[in-house]
Amino acid sequence: MASYVVMEPPVRDGAEKAILIRDGFHFLACVFPVFWLLFHRLWLEALGVLAAALALGAASSYLGYDPLAIIASLALGIFIGLEGAALKTHALSRRGWRHWGVVEAETRDDAEIRYLALNEVVAQVEPVLASVAVKPVRGSPAGAVPALGMLGYPGRG
């Protein structure tokens, strides 16, 4: 089963415009990291990856060890392939989007159905929870959120 991170837009009742981002390895992000980042409108990240690639190429050329550039570029591509979903999530949260949670499902359509069903249940339960004092679970730090990948995801705001 795949995990999908749900990001809601900053508008009220944005459940219909929410974005589901699949957590996992993105092959095209590994092969073409800069183009994949530009396609997903991750401008700052694309600029950083391009600068890192140019710096790695210049350093290996200066040292006279060209296989170093190939190995470093491959490592950079694998990192972007693994962390592409986290980079998209962080970029959306910089734009004001809220992290709703994580949904597990076989396909994207199933994940969307589960999210909408859970969102409806949460909307019905929230008024009840507002009147009841909820204690944190013993052993969990206050504000702890689950993290996927190496970079993690921002907490639900």
Protein backbone atom coordinates (compact mmCIF):
# COMPACT_ATOMS: atom_id res chain seq x y z
CA MET A 1 0.00 0.00 0.00
CA ALA A 2 1.16 3.50 -0.79
CA SER A 3 1.08 6.46 1.57
CA TYR A 4 -0.34 9.77 0.38
CA VAL A 5 0.28 13.05 2.19
CA VAL A 6 -2.80 15.29 2.05
CA MET A 7 -2.25 19.04 1.73
CA GLU A 8 -5.23 21.40 1.99
CA PRO A 9 -5.24 24.89 0.45
CA PRO A 10 -5.34 27.97 2.68
CA VAL A 11 -9.00 28.65 1.79
CA ARG A 12 -11.88 27.62 4.04
CA ASP A 13 -13.47 24.28 3.15
CA GLY A 14 -10.64 23.39 0.81
CA ALA A 15 -11.25 19.62 0.94
CA GLU A 16 -12.28 19.53 -2.71
CA LYS A 17 -9.05 21.25 -3.80
CA ALA A 18 -6.72 19.23 -1.60
CA ILE A 19 -3.63 17.70 -3.15
CA LEU A 20 -2.56 14.12 -2.48
CA ILE A 21 1.18 13.56 -2.78
CA ARG A 22 2.39 9.97 -3.02
CA ASP A 23 5.29 9.22 -0.73
CA GLY A 24 7.87 7.00 -2.32
CA PHE A 25 10.57 6.90 -4.97
CA HIS A 26 9.98 9.05 -8.07
CA PHE A 27 12.00 7.60 -10.94
CA LEU A 28 11.79 10.67 -13.19
CA ALA A 29 12.99 12.83 -10.30
CA CYS A 30 16.03 10.60 -10.05
CA VAL A 31 16.83 10.66 -13.76
CA PHE A 32 15.99 14.32 -14.48
CA PRO A 33 16.03 16.08 -11.09
CA VAL A 34 16.11 19.70 -12.26
CA PHE A 35 13.43 19.21 -14.92
CA TRP A 36 11.21 17.25 -12.50
CA LEU A 37 11.49 20.03 -9.91
CA LEU A 38 10.70 22.69 -12.52
CA PHE A 39 7.71 20.68 -13.76
CA HIS A 40 6.34 20.58 -10.21
CA ARG A 41 6.97 24.34 -9.78
CA LEU A 42 9.66 23.87 -7.14
CA TRP A 43 11.74 26.82 -8.30
CA LEU A 44 13.99 27.24 -5.26
CA GLU A 45 14.70 23.55 -5.03
CA ALA A 46 15.52 23.36 -8.75
CA LEU A 47 17.89 26.30 -8.39
CA GLY A 48 19.58 24.60 -5.42
CA VAL A 49 19.95 21.28 -7.25
CA LEU A 50 21.33 23.04 -10.34
CA ALA A 51 23.83 24.96 -8.21
CA ALA A 52 24.86 21.76 -6.40
CA ALA A 53 25.29 19.90 -9.69
CA LEU A 54 27.40 22.70 -11.15
CA ALA A 55 29.50 22.90 -7.98
CA LEU A 56 30.05 19.14 -7.98
CA GLY A 57 31.05 19.20 -11.65
CA ALA A 58 33.43 22.11 -11.14
CA ALA A 59 35.01 20.52 -8.06
CA SER A 60 35.57 17.19 -9.78
CA SER A 61 36.97 18.91 -12.86
CA TYR A 62 39.32 20.97 -10.70
CA LEU A 63 40.47 17.86 -8.85
CA GLY A 64 40.91 16.01 -12.15
CA TYR A 65 38.76 13.11 -11.03
CA ASP A 66 35.79 12.92 -13.43
CA PRO A 67 34.21 9.74 -12.00
CA LEU A 68 33.57 11.76 -8.83
CA ALA A 69 31.15 13.97 -10.77
CA ILE A 70 29.25 10.93 -12.03
CA ILE A 71 28.98 9.39 -8.58
CA ALA A 72 27.97 12.68 -6.97
CA SER A 73 25.35 13.39 -9.66
CA LEU A 74 23.93 9.91 -9.22
CA ALA A 75 23.76 10.39 -5.45
CA LEU A 76 22.04 13.77 -5.90
CA GLY A 77 19.52 12.21 -8.30
CA ILE A 78 18.76 9.36 -5.90
CA PHE A 79 18.25 11.86 -3.08
CA ILE A 80 15.81 13.93 -5.16
CA GLY A 81 14.03 10.74 -6.26
CA LEU A 82 13.58 9.66 -2.64
CA GLU A 83 12.72 13.07 -1.18
CA GLY A 84 10.71 14.60 -4.02
CA ALA A 85 7.43 14.21 -2.13
CA ALA A 86 8.84 15.91 0.97
CA LEU A 87 10.17 18.78 -1.14
CA LYS A 88 6.72 19.25 -2.71
CA THR A 89 5.09 19.20 0.73
CA HIS A 90 7.49 21.79 2.14
CA ALA A 91 6.99 24.04 -0.89
CA LEU A 92 3.21 23.89 -0.46
CA SER A 93 3.45 24.69 3.25
CA ARG A 94 5.61 27.73 2.41
CA ARG A 95 2.72 28.88 0.22
CA GLY A 96 0.26 28.59 3.10
CA TRP A 97 -1.13 25.10 2.51
CA ARG A 98 -1.98 23.03 5.60
CA HIS A 99 -0.87 19.47 6.27
CA TRP A 100 -4.04 17.45 6.90
CA GLY A 101 -2.49 14.03 7.44
CA VAL A 102 -1.44 10.80 5.74
CA VAL A 103 -3.78 8.37 3.98
CA GLU A 104 -2.79 4.84 2.98
CA ALA A 105 -4.41 3.26 -0.07
CA GLU A 106 -3.70 1.07 -3.08
CA THR A 107 -4.40 3.75 -5.70
CA ARG A 108 -4.69 7.53 -5.80
CA ASP A 109 -8.47 7.29 -6.32
CA ASP A 110 -8.84 5.10 -3.23
CA ALA A 111 -6.72 7.54 -1.23
CA GLU A 112 -8.93 10.42 -2.33
CA ILE A 113 -12.07 8.53 -1.30
CA ARG A 114 -10.56 7.67 2.09
CA TYR A 115 -9.49 11.28 2.63
CA LEU A 116 -12.94 12.65 1.81
CA ALA A 117 -14.59 10.06 4.06
CA LEU A 118 -12.20 10.79 6.94
CA ASN A 119 -12.58 14.52 6.39
CA GLU A 120 -16.37 14.18 6.75
CA VAL A 121 -15.97 12.17 9.97
CA VAL A 122 -13.50 14.70 11.41
CA ALA A 123 -15.88 17.56 10.58
CA GLN A 124 -18.65 15.81 12.53
CA VAL A 125 -16.42 14.95 15.52
CA GLU A 126 -14.54 18.27 15.92
CA PRO A 127 -17.43 20.15 17.62
CA VAL A 128 -17.72 17.34 20.16
CA LEU A 129 -13.96 17.33 20.82
CA ALA A 130 -13.94 21.09 21.30
CA SER A 131 -16.13 20.71 24.39
CA VAL A 132 -14.10 17.82 25.86
CA ALA A 133 -10.60 18.20 27.30
CA VAL A 134 -8.35 15.81 25.38
CA LYS A 135 -5.23 14.57 27.16
CA PRO A 136 -2.12 13.64 25.16
CA VAL A 137 -1.16 9.99 24.99
CA ARG A 138 1.38 9.02 27.64
CA GLY A 139 4.89 8.78 26.28
CA SER A 140 4.31 10.99 23.23
CA PRO A 141 5.80 14.48 23.27
CA ALA A 142 3.40 17.37 22.80
CA GLY A 143 2.95 18.26 19.16
CA ALA A 144 4.56 15.05 17.88
CA VAL A 145 3.66 14.23 14.28
CA PRO A 146 4.51 11.19 12.20
CA ALA A 147 7.32 11.68 9.72
CA LEU A 148 7.85 9.98 6.38
CA GLY A 149 11.12 10.07 4.49
CA MET A 150 14.34 11.70 5.64
CA LEU A 151 13.07 15.28 5.74
CA GLY A 152 9.71 14.68 7.47
CA TYR A 153 6.58 16.72 6.98
CA PRO A 154 5.28 19.81 8.73
CA GLY A 155 2.75 19.30 11.51
CA ARG A 156 -0.96 19.78 11.02
CA GLY A 157 -1.70 23.49 11.51
